[in-house]
Amino acid sequence: MIKFAITGSLSSGKSTASKIISSNLGPLFNADNVVKKLYKTNSFKKKISRVLKINSKINIKSEIKKQIQEKKNHIKKNRTNHSSIC
């Protein structure tokens, strides 16, 4: 059996590509389904709320996305052009 992974950023088509490929090749492990179940568990909500310092009663998934985007923007702003240093 051949195993491979499809990676990419949010909304890049990973799930669609996986479904197309698996329809001809066999079983598919879909991490999205596992994550959806995880977001519904109280223990995960409590733990992630504590780590990210957010209110566990809000939409945790959207808050995580928001924090990831803020960190990406911060990294882009502070990235140094290495060719200008040399």
C-alpha atoms as a PDB file:
ATOM      1  CA  MET A   1       0.000   0.000   0.000  1.00  0.00           C
ATOM      2  CA  ILE A   2       1.275   3.444  -0.903  1.00  0.00           C
ATOM      3  CA  LYS A   3       0.818   6.165   1.720  1.00  0.00           C
ATOM      4  CA  PHE A   4       1.138   9.870   1.066  1.00  0.00           C
ATOM      5  CA  ALA A   5       0.060  13.136   2.607  1.00  0.00           C
ATOM      6  CA  ILE A   6      -1.482  16.214   1.102  1.00  0.00           C
ATOM      7  CA  THR A   7      -0.523  19.448   2.835  1.00  0.00           C
ATOM      8  CA  GLY A   8      -1.366  23.082   2.295  1.00  0.00           C
ATOM      9  CA  SER A   9      -2.713  26.204   3.896  1.00  0.00           C
ATOM     10  CA  LEU A  10      -6.315  26.860   4.911  1.00  0.00           C
ATOM     11  CA  SER A  11      -8.823  26.508   2.050  1.00  0.00           C
ATOM     12  CA  SER A  12      -6.190  25.331  -0.420  1.00  0.00           C
ATOM     13  CA  GLY A  13      -8.181  22.315  -1.663  1.00  0.00           C
ATOM     14  CA  LYS A  14      -6.595  19.523   0.391  1.00  0.00           C
ATOM     15  CA  SER A  15      -9.924  17.865   1.219  1.00  0.00           C
ATOM     16  CA  THR A  16     -11.155  18.056  -2.364  1.00  0.00           C
ATOM     17  CA  ALA A  17      -7.923  16.576  -3.710  1.00  0.00           C
ATOM     18  CA  SER A  18      -8.017  13.842  -1.067  1.00  0.00           C
ATOM     19  CA  LYS A  19     -11.559  12.849  -1.980  1.00  0.00           C
ATOM     20  CA  ILE A  20     -10.739  12.677  -5.679  1.00  0.00           C
ATOM     21  CA  ILE A  21      -7.622  10.588  -5.109  1.00  0.00           C
ATOM     22  CA  SER A  22      -9.161   8.252  -2.535  1.00  0.00           C
ATOM     23  CA  SER A  23     -12.201   7.508  -4.696  1.00  0.00           C
ATOM     24  CA  ASN A  24      -9.929   5.442  -6.932  1.00  0.00           C
ATOM     25  CA  LEU A  25      -7.271   4.237  -4.502  1.00  0.00           C
ATOM     26  CA  GLY A  26      -8.945   3.165  -1.297  1.00  0.00           C
ATOM     27  CA  PRO A  27      -9.172   4.287   2.328  1.00  0.00           C
ATOM     28  CA  LEU A  28      -8.585   7.861   3.347  1.00  0.00           C
ATOM     29  CA  PHE A  29      -7.555   9.212   6.738  1.00  0.00           C
ATOM     30  CA  ASN A  30      -9.045  12.670   6.973  1.00  0.00           C
ATOM     31  CA  ALA A  31      -7.509  14.764   9.736  1.00  0.00           C
ATOM     32  CA  ASP A  32     -10.265  17.360   9.283  1.00  0.00           C
ATOM     33  CA  ASN A  33     -12.816  14.897  10.662  1.00  0.00           C
ATOM     34  CA  VAL A  34     -10.619  14.176  13.675  1.00  0.00           C
ATOM     35  CA  VAL A  35     -10.134  17.884  14.346  1.00  0.00           C
ATOM     36  CA  LYS A  36     -13.892  18.556  14.080  1.00  0.00           C
ATOM     37  CA  LYS A  37     -14.508  15.967  16.790  1.00  0.00           C
ATOM     38  CA  LEU A  38     -11.674  17.397  18.876  1.00  0.00           C
ATOM     39  CA  TYR A  39     -13.152  20.912  18.796  1.00  0.00           C
ATOM     40  CA  LYS A  40     -16.364  19.512  20.291  1.00  0.00           C
ATOM     41  CA  THR A  41     -14.707  18.004  23.381  1.00  0.00           C
ATOM     42  CA  ASN A  42     -14.772  20.041  26.587  1.00  0.00           C
ATOM     43  CA  SER A  43     -11.298  18.945  27.649  1.00  0.00           C
ATOM     44  CA  PHE A  44      -9.790  20.317  24.421  1.00  0.00           C
ATOM     45  CA  LYS A  45     -11.739  23.567  24.735  1.00  0.00           C
ATOM     46  CA  LYS A  46     -10.517  24.078  28.294  1.00  0.00           C
ATOM     47  CA  LYS A  47      -6.919  23.239  27.483  1.00  0.00           C
ATOM     48  CA  ILE A  48      -6.663  25.367  24.333  1.00  0.00           C
ATOM     49  CA  SER A  49      -8.455  28.253  26.051  1.00  0.00           C
ATOM     50  CA  ARG A  50      -5.908  28.161  28.847  1.00  0.00           C
ATOM     51  CA  VAL A  51      -2.915  27.958  26.492  1.00  0.00           C
ATOM     52  CA  LEU A  52      -4.123  30.714  24.151  1.00  0.00           C
ATOM     53  CA  LYS A  53      -5.631  32.788  26.973  1.00  0.00           C
ATOM     54  CA  ILE A  54      -9.063  33.017  25.363  1.00  0.00           C
ATOM     55  CA  ASN A  55     -12.610  32.680  26.680  1.00  0.00           C
ATOM     56  CA  SER A  56     -13.720  29.051  26.294  1.00  0.00           C
ATOM     57  CA  LYS A  57     -17.292  30.181  25.623  1.00  0.00           C
ATOM     58  CA  ILE A  58     -16.448  31.912  22.330  1.00  0.00           C
ATOM     59  CA  ASN A  59     -15.915  30.227  18.965  1.00  0.00           C
ATOM     60  CA  ILE A  60     -12.516  28.696  19.633  1.00  0.00           C
ATOM     61  CA  LYS A  61     -11.863  27.704  16.023  1.00  0.00           C
ATOM     62  CA  SER A  62     -12.277  31.259  14.742  1.00  0.00           C
ATOM     63  CA  GLU A  63     -10.119  32.606  17.580  1.00  0.00           C
ATOM     64  CA  ILE A  64      -7.328  30.157  16.720  1.00  0.00           C
ATOM     65  CA  LYS A  65      -7.495  31.204  13.047  1.00  0.00           C
ATOM     66  CA  LYS A  66      -7.397  34.857  14.116  1.00  0.00           C
ATOM     67  CA  GLN A  67      -4.311  34.312  16.291  1.00  0.00           C
ATOM     68  CA  ILE A  68      -2.542  32.368  13.532  1.00  0.00           C
ATOM     69  CA  GLN A  69      -3.237  35.164  11.044  1.00  0.00           C
ATOM     70  CA  GLU A  70      -1.981  37.799  13.497  1.00  0.00           C
ATOM     71  CA  LYS A  71       1.243  35.847  14.021  1.00  0.00           C
ATOM     72  CA  LYS A  72       1.725  35.473  10.242  1.00  0.00           C
ATOM     73  CA  ASN A  73       1.263  39.212   9.780  1.00  0.00           C
ATOM     74  CA  HIS A  74       3.703  39.923  12.605  1.00  0.00           C
ATOM     75  CA  ILE A  75       6.311  37.604  11.052  1.00  0.00           C
ATOM     76  CA  LYS A  76       5.886  39.216   7.611  1.00  0.00           C
ATOM     77  CA  LYS A  77       6.327  42.706   9.088  1.00  0.00           C
ATOM     78  CA  ASN A  78       9.491  41.706  10.925  1.00  0.00           C
ATOM     79  CA  ARG A  79      11.078  39.599   8.187  1.00  0.00           C
ATOM     80  CA  THR A  80      14.484  40.837   7.098  1.00  0.00           C
ATOM     81  CA  ASN A  81      15.591  40.820   3.488  1.00  0.00           C
ATOM     82  CA  HIS A  82      18.820  38.825   3.759  1.00  0.00           C
ATOM     83  CA  SER A  83      20.137  40.055   0.410  1.00  0.00           C
ATOM     84  CA  SER A  84      20.238  43.616   1.775  1.00  0.00           C
ATOM     85  CA  ILE A  85      22.463  42.482   4.644  1.00  0.00           C
ATOM     86  CA  CYS A  86      25.140  40.865   2.460  1.00  0.00           C
END
